[in-house]
Amino acid sequence: MTVVLEGYIRVPPNEIKTLRYKLQAHIEQTLDEESCLAFEVTQDDHDPGVFHVFEKFVDEEAFNAHQARIKVSEWGAVSKNVIRFYCKRREA
């Protein structure tokens, strides 16, 4: 059963520039994960501090491995102060 995470993050104003600079590498590294089916992060057109997130992984184990990788990655350090608003669901 696939795992989908959908929602957004709110980035502190003084950290937007750094986060945007590191975002592309984070997206590429995630898409390179064998078990990643989809991964999109886009900045909101009206609020530069909001980034919309959509992630899809083959199963719970793959999702958990992704989360573990992030915690020790450069992205994990850069995004430590963001506020996350996510819904996680499973799809057949």
PDB file of N, CA and C in Angstrom:
ATOM      1  N   MET A   1       0.844  -1.173   0.000  1.00  0.00           N
ATOM      2  CA  MET A   1       0.000   0.000   0.000  1.00  0.00           C
ATOM      3  C   MET A   1       0.892   1.240   0.000  1.00  0.00           C
ATOM      4  N   THR A   2       0.684   2.143  -0.942  1.00  0.00           N
ATOM      5  CA  THR A   2       1.515   3.344  -1.028  1.00  0.00           C
ATOM      6  C   THR A   2       1.192   4.303   0.110  1.00  0.00           C
ATOM      7  N   VAL A   3       2.157   5.159   0.410  1.00  0.00           N
ATOM      8  CA  VAL A   3       2.004   6.178   1.447  1.00  0.00           C
ATOM      9  C   VAL A   3       2.118   7.538   0.780  1.00  0.00           C
ATOM     10  N   VAL A   4       1.145   8.395   1.062  1.00  0.00           N
ATOM     11  CA  VAL A   4       1.125   9.754   0.520  1.00  0.00           C
ATOM     12  C   VAL A   4       1.157  10.739   1.677  1.00  0.00           C
ATOM     13  N   LEU A   5       2.026  11.721   1.556  1.00  0.00           N
ATOM     14  CA  LEU A   5       2.092  12.813   2.510  1.00  0.00           C
ATOM     15  C   LEU A   5       1.793  14.074   1.724  1.00  0.00           C
ATOM     16  N   GLU A   6       0.849  14.857   2.216  1.00  0.00           N
ATOM     17  CA  GLU A   6       0.426  16.050   1.489  1.00  0.00           C
ATOM     18  C   GLU A   6       0.185  17.175   2.488  1.00  0.00           C
ATOM     19  N   GLY A   7       0.558  18.376   2.120  1.00  0.00           N
ATOM     20  CA  GLY A   7       0.329  19.518   2.982  1.00  0.00           C
ATOM     21  C   GLY A   7       1.246  20.664   2.626  1.00  0.00           C
ATOM     22  N   TYR A   8       1.723  21.362   3.664  1.00  0.00           N
ATOM     23  CA  TYR A   8       2.619  22.482   3.406  1.00  0.00           C
ATOM     24  C   TYR A   8       3.518  22.720   4.618  1.00  0.00           C
ATOM     25  N   ILE A   9       4.575  23.490   4.362  1.00  0.00           N
ATOM     26  CA  ILE A   9       5.438  23.938   5.436  1.00  0.00           C
ATOM     27  C   ILE A   9       5.418  25.458   5.449  1.00  0.00           C
ATOM     28  N   ARG A  10       5.570  26.009   6.635  1.00  0.00           N
ATOM     29  CA  ARG A  10       5.671  27.458   6.790  1.00  0.00           C
ATOM     30  C   ARG A  10       7.097  27.754   7.252  1.00  0.00           C
ATOM     31  N   VAL A  11       7.771  28.572   6.465  1.00  0.00           N
ATOM     32  CA  VAL A  11       9.183  28.876   6.684  1.00  0.00           C
ATOM     33  C   VAL A  11       9.318  30.265   7.305  1.00  0.00           C
ATOM     34  N   PRO A  12      10.131  30.381   8.361  1.00  0.00           N
ATOM     35  CA  PRO A  12      10.362  31.713   8.936  1.00  0.00           C
ATOM     36  C   PRO A  12      10.926  32.658   7.869  1.00  0.00           C
ATOM     37  N   PRO A  13      10.487  33.912   7.847  1.00  0.00           N
ATOM     38  CA  PRO A  13      10.909  34.854   6.801  1.00  0.00           C
ATOM     39  C   PRO A  13      12.420  34.947   6.617  1.00  0.00           C
ATOM     40  N   ASN A  14      13.175  34.908   7.697  1.00  0.00           N
ATOM     41  CA  ASN A  14      14.626  35.054   7.590  1.00  0.00           C
ATOM     42  C   ASN A  14      15.324  33.787   7.093  1.00  0.00           C
ATOM     43  N   GLU A  15      14.561  32.701   6.867  1.00  0.00           N
ATOM     44  CA  GLU A  15      15.146  31.447   6.405  1.00  0.00           C
ATOM     45  C   GLU A  15      14.692  31.048   4.992  1.00  0.00           C
ATOM     46  N   ILE A  16      13.822  31.828   4.383  1.00  0.00           N
ATOM     47  CA  ILE A  16      13.281  31.490   3.061  1.00  0.00           C
ATOM     48  C   ILE A  16      14.393  31.389   2.017  1.00  0.00           C
ATOM     49  N   LYS A  17      15.287  32.347   1.983  1.00  0.00           N
ATOM     50  CA  LYS A  17      16.336  32.351   0.969  1.00  0.00           C
ATOM     51  C   LYS A  17      17.212  31.101   1.071  1.00  0.00           C
ATOM     52  N   THR A  18      17.632  30.739   2.266  1.00  0.00           N
ATOM     53  CA  THR A  18      18.467  29.550   2.458  1.00  0.00           C
ATOM     54  C   THR A  18      17.707  28.286   2.079  1.00  0.00           C
ATOM     55  N   LEU A  19      16.464  28.188   2.508  1.00  0.00           N
ATOM     56  CA  LEU A  19      15.669  27.004   2.191  1.00  0.00           C
ATOM     57  C   LEU A  19      15.482  26.860   0.689  1.00  0.00           C
ATOM     58  N   ARG A  20      15.179  27.946   0.012  1.00  0.00           N
ATOM     59  CA  ARG A  20      15.014  27.882  -1.452  1.00  0.00           C
ATOM     60  C   ARG A  20      16.309  27.444  -2.127  1.00  0.00           C
ATOM     61  N   TYR A  21      17.431  27.903  -1.615  1.00  0.00           N
ATOM     62  CA  TYR A  21      18.736  27.557  -2.177  1.00  0.00           C
ATOM     63  C   TYR A  21      19.009  26.056  -2.056  1.00  0.00           C
ATOM     64  N   LYS A  22      18.594  25.444  -0.956  1.00  0.00           N
ATOM     65  CA  LYS A  22      18.857  24.022  -0.699  1.00  0.00           C
ATOM     66  C   LYS A  22      17.743  23.104  -1.213  1.00  0.00           C
ATOM     67  N   LEU A  23      16.626  23.659  -1.618  1.00  0.00           N
ATOM     68  CA  LEU A  23      15.457  22.862  -1.981  1.00  0.00           C
ATOM     69  C   LEU A  23      15.685  21.946  -3.180  1.00  0.00           C
ATOM     70  N   GLN A  24      16.295  22.437  -4.231  1.00  0.00           N
ATOM     71  CA  GLN A  24      16.455  21.615  -5.435  1.00  0.00           C
ATOM     72  C   GLN A  24      17.275  20.354  -5.157  1.00  0.00           C
ATOM     73  N   ALA A  25      18.330  20.480  -4.377  1.00  0.00           N
ATOM     74  CA  ALA A  25      19.139  19.311  -4.030  1.00  0.00           C
ATOM     75  C   ALA A  25      18.306  18.313  -3.233  1.00  0.00           C
ATOM     76  N   HIS A  26      17.482  18.815  -2.325  1.00  0.00           N
ATOM     77  CA  HIS A  26      16.612  17.938  -1.529  1.00  0.00           C
ATOM     78  C   HIS A  26      15.627  17.193  -2.437  1.00  0.00           C
ATOM     79  N   ILE A  27      15.038  17.897  -3.369  1.00  0.00           N
ATOM     80  CA  ILE A  27      14.092  17.264  -4.302  1.00  0.00           C
ATOM     81  C   ILE A  27      14.804  16.193  -5.128  1.00  0.00           C
ATOM     82  N   GLU A  28      15.957  16.519  -5.665  1.00  0.00           N
ATOM     83  CA  GLU A  28      16.701  15.557  -6.495  1.00  0.00           C
ATOM     84  C   GLU A  28      17.109  14.323  -5.696  1.00  0.00           C
ATOM     85  N   GLN A  29      17.587  14.513  -4.474  1.00  0.00           N
ATOM     86  CA  GLN A  29      17.985  13.379  -3.640  1.00  0.00           C
ATOM     87  C   GLN A  29      16.787  12.490  -3.321  1.00  0.00           C
ATOM     88  N   THR A  30      15.653  13.099  -3.072  1.00  0.00           N
ATOM     89  CA  THR A  30      14.455  12.311  -2.758  1.00  0.00           C
ATOM     90  C   THR A  30      13.979  11.548  -3.987  1.00  0.00           C
ATOM     91  N   LEU A  31      13.948  12.202  -5.128  1.00  0.00           N
ATOM     92  CA  LEU A  31      13.511  11.521  -6.352  1.00  0.00           C
ATOM     93  C   LEU A  31      14.467  10.388  -6.731  1.00  0.00           C
ATOM     94  N   ASP A  32      15.715  10.475  -6.292  1.00  0.00           N
ATOM     95  CA  ASP A  32      16.686   9.411  -6.546  1.00  0.00           C
ATOM     96  C   ASP A  32      16.460   8.186  -5.650  1.00  0.00           C
ATOM     97  N   GLU A  33      15.664   8.340  -4.602  1.00  0.00           N
ATOM     98  CA  GLU A  33      15.355   7.193  -3.749  1.00  0.00           C
ATOM     99  C   GLU A  33      14.529   6.207  -4.574  1.00  0.00           C
ATOM    100  N   GLU A  34      14.955   4.971  -4.603  1.00  0.00           N
ATOM    101  CA  GLU A  34      14.309   3.947  -5.432  1.00  0.00           C
ATOM    102  C   GLU A  34      12.817   3.808  -5.146  1.00  0.00           C
ATOM    103  N   SER A  35      12.434   4.012  -3.915  1.00  0.00           N
ATOM    104  CA  SER A  35      11.049   3.781  -3.515  1.00  0.00           C
ATOM    105  C   SER A  35      10.167   5.030  -3.586  1.00  0.00           C
ATOM    106  N   CYS A  36      10.717   6.134  -4.085  1.00  0.00           N
ATOM    107  CA  CYS A  36       9.945   7.364  -4.217  1.00  0.00           C
ATOM    108  C   CYS A  36       9.174   7.336  -5.533  1.00  0.00           C
ATOM    109  N   LEU A  37       7.871   7.487  -5.454  1.00  0.00           N
ATOM    110  CA  LEU A  37       7.020   7.504  -6.646  1.00  0.00           C
ATOM    111  C   LEU A  37       6.742   8.924  -7.136  1.00  0.00           C
ATOM    112  N   ALA A  38       6.711   9.872  -6.215  1.00  0.00           N
ATOM    113  CA  ALA A  38       6.479  11.273  -6.565  1.00  0.00           C
ATOM    114  C   ALA A  38       6.946  12.147  -5.414  1.00  0.00           C
ATOM    115  N   PHE A  39       7.455  13.316  -5.762  1.00  0.00           N
ATOM    116  CA  PHE A  39       7.905  14.253  -4.728  1.00  0.00           C
ATOM    117  C   PHE A  39       7.911  15.650  -5.330  1.00  0.00           C
ATOM    118  N   GLU A  40       7.087  16.518  -4.782  1.00  0.00           N
ATOM    119  CA  GLU A  40       6.985  17.890  -5.284  1.00  0.00           C
ATOM    120  C   GLU A  40       6.946  18.860  -4.119  1.00  0.00           C
ATOM    121  N   VAL A  41       7.709  19.911  -4.216  1.00  0.00           N
ATOM    122  CA  VAL A  41       7.669  21.006  -3.245  1.00  0.00           C
ATOM    123  C   VAL A  41       7.643  22.294  -4.057  1.00  0.00           C
ATOM    124  N   THR A  42       6.606  23.087  -3.889  1.00  0.00           N
ATOM    125  CA  THR A  42       6.467  24.319  -4.652  1.00  0.00           C
ATOM    126  C   THR A  42       6.143  25.486  -3.725  1.00  0.00           C
ATOM    127  N   GLN A  43       6.763  26.612  -3.998  1.00  0.00           N
ATOM    128  CA  GLN A  43       6.512  27.808  -3.209  1.00  0.00           C
ATOM    129  C   GLN A  43       5.164  28.399  -3.603  1.00  0.00           C
ATOM    130  N   ASP A  44       4.418  28.837  -2.617  1.00  0.00           N
ATOM    131  CA  ASP A  44       3.102  29.433  -2.841  1.00  0.00           C
ATOM    132  C   ASP A  44       3.238  30.731  -3.642  1.00  0.00           C
ATOM    133  N   ASP A  45       2.304  30.954  -4.551  1.00  0.00           N
ATOM    134  CA  ASP A  45       2.326  32.151  -5.395  1.00  0.00           C
ATOM    135  C   ASP A  45       2.029  33.434  -4.622  1.00  0.00           C
ATOM    136  N   HIS A  46       1.323  33.326  -3.503  1.00  0.00           N
ATOM    137  CA  HIS A  46       0.879  34.512  -2.774  1.00  0.00           C
ATOM    138  C   HIS A  46       1.580  34.719  -1.437  1.00  0.00           C
ATOM    139  N   ASP A  47       2.106  33.643  -0.873  1.00  0.00           N
ATOM    140  CA  ASP A  47       2.780  33.729   0.424  1.00  0.00           C
ATOM    141  C   ASP A  47       4.140  33.056   0.306  1.00  0.00           C
ATOM    142  N   PRO A  48       5.218  33.827   0.196  1.00  0.00           N
ATOM    143  CA  PRO A  48       6.539  33.246  -0.031  1.00  0.00           C
ATOM    144  C   PRO A  48       7.045  32.368   1.109  1.00  0.00           C
ATOM    145  N   GLY A  49       6.410  32.431   2.268  1.00  0.00           N
ATOM    146  CA  GLY A  49       6.810  31.600   3.395  1.00  0.00           C
ATOM    147  C   GLY A  49       6.148  30.242   3.426  1.00  0.00           C
ATOM    148  N   VAL A  50       5.269  29.975   2.448  1.00  0.00           N
ATOM    149  CA  VAL A  50       4.556  28.697   2.387  1.00  0.00           C
ATOM    150  C   VAL A  50       5.052  27.891   1.187  1.00  0.00           C
ATOM    151  N   PHE A  51       5.376  26.629   1.454  1.00  0.00           N
ATOM    152  CA  PHE A  51       5.798  25.702   0.414  1.00  0.00           C
ATOM    153  C   PHE A  51       4.879  24.487   0.465  1.00  0.00           C
ATOM    154  N   HIS A  52       4.219  24.195  -0.649  1.00  0.00           N
ATOM    155  CA  HIS A  52       3.300  23.059  -0.739  1.00  0.00           C
ATOM    156  C   HIS A  52       4.100  21.786  -0.991  1.00  0.00           C
ATOM    157  N   VAL A  53       3.705  20.709  -0.316  1.00  0.00           N
ATOM    158  CA  VAL A  53       4.454  19.455  -0.354  1.00  0.00           C
ATOM    159  C   VAL A  53       3.531  18.306  -0.767  1.00  0.00           C
ATOM    160  N   PHE A  54       4.035  17.480  -1.688  1.00  0.00           N
ATOM    161  CA  PHE A  54       3.353  16.236  -2.062  1.00  0.00           C
ATOM    162  C   PHE A  54       4.412  15.150  -2.195  1.00  0.00           C
ATOM    163  N   GLU A  55       4.250  14.076  -1.434  1.00  0.00           N
ATOM    164  CA  GLU A  55       5.193  12.960  -1.453  1.00  0.00           C
ATOM    165  C   GLU A  55       4.416  11.657  -1.612  1.00  0.00           C
ATOM    166  N   LYS A  56       4.999  10.723  -2.373  1.00  0.00           N
ATOM    167  CA  LYS A  56       4.377   9.407  -2.525  1.00  0.00           C
ATOM    168  C   LYS A  56       5.475   8.350  -2.560  1.00  0.00           C
ATOM    169  N   PHE A  57       5.344   7.363  -1.676  1.00  0.00           N
ATOM    170  CA  PHE A  57       6.321   6.286  -1.567  1.00  0.00           C
ATOM    171  C   PHE A  57       5.637   4.930  -1.707  1.00  0.00           C
ATOM    172  N   VAL A  58       6.400   3.930  -2.104  1.00  0.00           N
ATOM    173  CA  VAL A  58       5.821   2.615  -2.412  1.00  0.00           C
ATOM    174  C   VAL A  58       5.158   1.968  -1.206  1.00  0.00           C
ATOM    175  N   ASP A  59       5.665   2.230   0.007  1.00  0.00           N
ATOM    176  CA  ASP A  59       5.063   1.637   1.200  1.00  0.00           C
ATOM    177  C   ASP A  59       5.541   2.375   2.449  1.00  0.00           C
ATOM    178  N   GLU A  60       5.063   1.937   3.592  1.00  0.00           N
ATOM    179  CA  GLU A  60       5.397   2.570   4.869  1.00  0.00           C
ATOM    180  C   GLU A  60       6.893   2.475   5.172  1.00  0.00           C
ATOM    181  N   GLU A  61       7.485   1.351   4.870  1.00  0.00           N
ATOM    182  CA  GLU A  61       8.913   1.157   5.110  1.00  0.00           C
ATOM    183  C   GLU A  61       9.739   2.176   4.304  1.00  0.00           C
ATOM    184  N   ALA A  62       9.359   2.379   3.065  1.00  0.00           N
ATOM    185  CA  ALA A  62      10.057   3.345   2.211  1.00  0.00           C
ATOM    186  C   ALA A  62       9.884   4.766   2.740  1.00  0.00           C
ATOM    187  N   PHE A  63       8.685   5.082   3.174  1.00  0.00           N
ATOM    188  CA  PHE A  63       8.419   6.406   3.737  1.00  0.00           C
ATOM    189  C   PHE A  63       9.257   6.626   4.989  1.00  0.00           C
ATOM    190  N   ASN A  64       9.310   5.623   5.856  1.00  0.00           N
ATOM    191  CA  ASN A  64      10.088   5.732   7.088  1.00  0.00           C
ATOM    192  C   ASN A  64      11.587   5.874   6.795  1.00  0.00           C
ATOM    193  N   ALA A  65      12.074   5.176   5.780  1.00  0.00           N
ATOM    194  CA  ALA A  65      13.486   5.291   5.393  1.00  0.00           C
ATOM    195  C   ALA A  65      13.775   6.712   4.895  1.00  0.00           C
ATOM    196  N   HIS A  66      12.850   7.261   4.142  1.00  0.00           N
ATOM    197  CA  HIS A  66      12.998   8.639   3.663  1.00  0.00           C
ATOM    198  C   HIS A  66      13.066   9.605   4.848  1.00  0.00           C
ATOM    199  N   GLN A  67      12.169   9.445   5.792  1.00  0.00           N
ATOM    200  CA  GLN A  67      12.158  10.315   6.965  1.00  0.00           C
ATOM    201  C   GLN A  67      13.462  10.204   7.757  1.00  0.00           C
ATOM    202  N   ALA A  68      13.979   9.001   7.885  1.00  0.00           N
ATOM    203  CA  ALA A  68      15.245   8.785   8.603  1.00  0.00           C
ATOM    204  C   ALA A  68      16.398   9.469   7.875  1.00  0.00           C
ATOM    205  N   ARG A  69      16.408   9.379   6.546  1.00  0.00           N
ATOM    206  CA  ARG A  69      17.464  10.021   5.762  1.00  0.00           C
ATOM    207  C   ARG A  69      17.431  11.535   5.943  1.00  0.00           C
ATOM    208  N   ILE A  70      16.245  12.087   5.930  1.00  0.00           N
ATOM    209  CA  ILE A  70      16.105  13.539   6.067  1.00  0.00           C
ATOM    210  C   ILE A  70      16.663  14.025   7.405  1.00  0.00           C
ATOM    211  N   LYS A  71      16.404  13.283   8.466  1.00  0.00           N
ATOM    212  CA  LYS A  71      16.833  13.719   9.802  1.00  0.00           C
ATOM    213  C   LYS A  71      18.333  13.943   9.895  1.00  0.00           C
ATOM    214  N   VAL A  72      19.121  13.222   9.118  1.00  0.00           N
ATOM    215  CA  VAL A  72      20.577  13.348   9.184  1.00  0.00           C
ATOM    216  C   VAL A  72      21.150  14.071   7.963  1.00  0.00           C
ATOM    217  N   SER A  73      20.282  14.652   7.147  1.00  0.00           N
ATOM    218  CA  SER A  73      20.725  15.309   5.916  1.00  0.00           C
ATOM    219  C   SER A  73      20.896  16.811   6.118  1.00  0.00           C
ATOM    220  N   GLU A  74      21.512  17.434   5.125  1.00  0.00           N
ATOM    221  CA  GLU A  74      21.639  18.885   5.131  1.00  0.00           C
ATOM    222  C   GLU A  74      20.247  19.532   5.130  1.00  0.00           C
ATOM    223  N   TRP A  75      19.312  18.931   4.396  1.00  0.00           N
ATOM    224  CA  TRP A  75      17.948  19.460   4.365  1.00  0.00           C
ATOM    225  C   TRP A  75      17.330  19.440   5.764  1.00  0.00           C
ATOM    226  N   GLY A  76      17.586  18.381   6.507  1.00  0.00           N
ATOM    227  CA  GLY A  76      17.073  18.295   7.867  1.00  0.00           C
ATOM    228  C   GLY A  76      17.557  19.455   8.725  1.00  0.00           C
ATOM    229  N   ALA A  77      18.818  19.814   8.561  1.00  0.00           N
ATOM    230  CA  ALA A  77      19.378  20.936   9.318  1.00  0.00           C
ATOM    231  C   ALA A  77      18.786  22.265   8.867  1.00  0.00           C
ATOM    232  N   VAL A  78      18.671  22.452   7.560  1.00  0.00           N
ATOM    233  CA  VAL A  78      18.159  23.705   7.005  1.00  0.00           C
ATOM    234  C   VAL A  78      16.684  23.909   7.346  1.00  0.00           C
ATOM    235  N   SER A  79      15.935  22.829   7.401  1.00  0.00           N
ATOM    236  CA  SER A  79      14.479  22.944   7.601  1.00  0.00           C
ATOM    237  C   SER A  79      14.034  22.695   9.037  1.00  0.00           C
ATOM    238  N   LYS A  80      14.956  22.715   9.976  1.00  0.00           N
ATOM    239  CA  LYS A  80      14.606  22.380  11.359  1.00  0.00           C
ATOM    240  C   LYS A  80      13.618  23.356  11.991  1.00  0.00           C
ATOM    241  N   ASN A  81      13.562  24.583  11.518  1.00  0.00           N
ATOM    242  CA  ASN A  81      12.677  25.583  12.118  1.00  0.00           C
ATOM    243  C   ASN A  81      11.350  25.773  11.388  1.00  0.00           C
ATOM    244  N   VAL A  82      11.122  25.016  10.321  1.00  0.00           N
ATOM    245  CA  VAL A  82       9.851  25.177   9.614  1.00  0.00           C
ATOM    246  C   VAL A  82       8.733  24.532  10.422  1.00  0.00           C
ATOM    247  N   ILE A  83       7.538  25.038  10.221  1.00  0.00           N
ATOM    248  CA  ILE A  83       6.353  24.445  10.840  1.00  0.00           C
ATOM    249  C   ILE A  83       5.674  23.616   9.773  1.00  0.00           C
ATOM    250  N   ARG A  84       5.376  22.363  10.103  1.00  0.00           N
ATOM    251  CA  ARG A  84       4.839  21.421   9.121  1.00  0.00           C
ATOM    252  C   ARG A  84       3.350  21.168   9.358  1.00  0.00           C
ATOM    253  N   PHE A  85       2.593  21.199   8.260  1.00  0.00           N
ATOM    254  CA  PHE A  85       1.167  20.911   8.278  1.00  0.00           C
ATOM    255  C   PHE A  85       0.915  19.830   7.234  1.00  0.00           C
ATOM    256  N   TYR A  86       0.864  18.581   7.659  1.00  0.00           N
ATOM    257  CA  TYR A  86       0.772  17.450   6.733  1.00  0.00           C
ATOM    258  C   TYR A  86      -0.403  16.542   7.075  1.00  0.00           C
ATOM    259  N   CYS A  87      -0.895  15.885   6.051  1.00  0.00           N
ATOM    260  CA  CYS A  87      -1.819  14.753   6.212  1.00  0.00           C
ATOM    261  C   CYS A  87      -1.151  13.563   5.538  1.00  0.00           C
ATOM    262  N   LYS A  88      -1.142  12.456   6.236  1.00  0.00           N
ATOM    263  CA  LYS A  88      -0.542  11.233   5.697  1.00  0.00           C
ATOM    264  C   LYS A  88      -1.662  10.224   5.504  1.00  0.00           C
ATOM    265  N   ARG A  89      -1.626   9.552   4.343  1.00  0.00           N
ATOM    266  CA  ARG A  89      -2.653   8.550   4.071  1.00  0.00           C
ATOM    267  C   ARG A  89      -2.034   7.380   3.306  1.00  0.00           C
ATOM    268  N   ARG A  90      -2.735   6.283   3.302  1.00  0.00           N
ATOM    269  CA  ARG A  90      -2.323   5.100   2.554  1.00  0.00           C
ATOM    270  C   ARG A  90      -3.295   4.899   1.399  1.00  0.00           C
ATOM    271  N   GLU A  91      -2.744   4.497   0.262  1.00  0.00           N
ATOM    272  CA  GLU A  91      -3.569   4.232  -0.919  1.00  0.00           C
ATOM    273  C   GLU A  91      -3.285   2.827  -1.427  1.00  0.00           C
ATOM    274  N   ALA A  92      -4.316   2.190  -1.923  1.00  0.00           N
ATOM    275  CA  ALA A  92      -4.153   0.840  -2.475  1.00  0.00           C
ATOM    276  C   ALA A  92      -3.461   0.872  -3.805  1.00  0.00           C
TER     277      ALA A  92
END
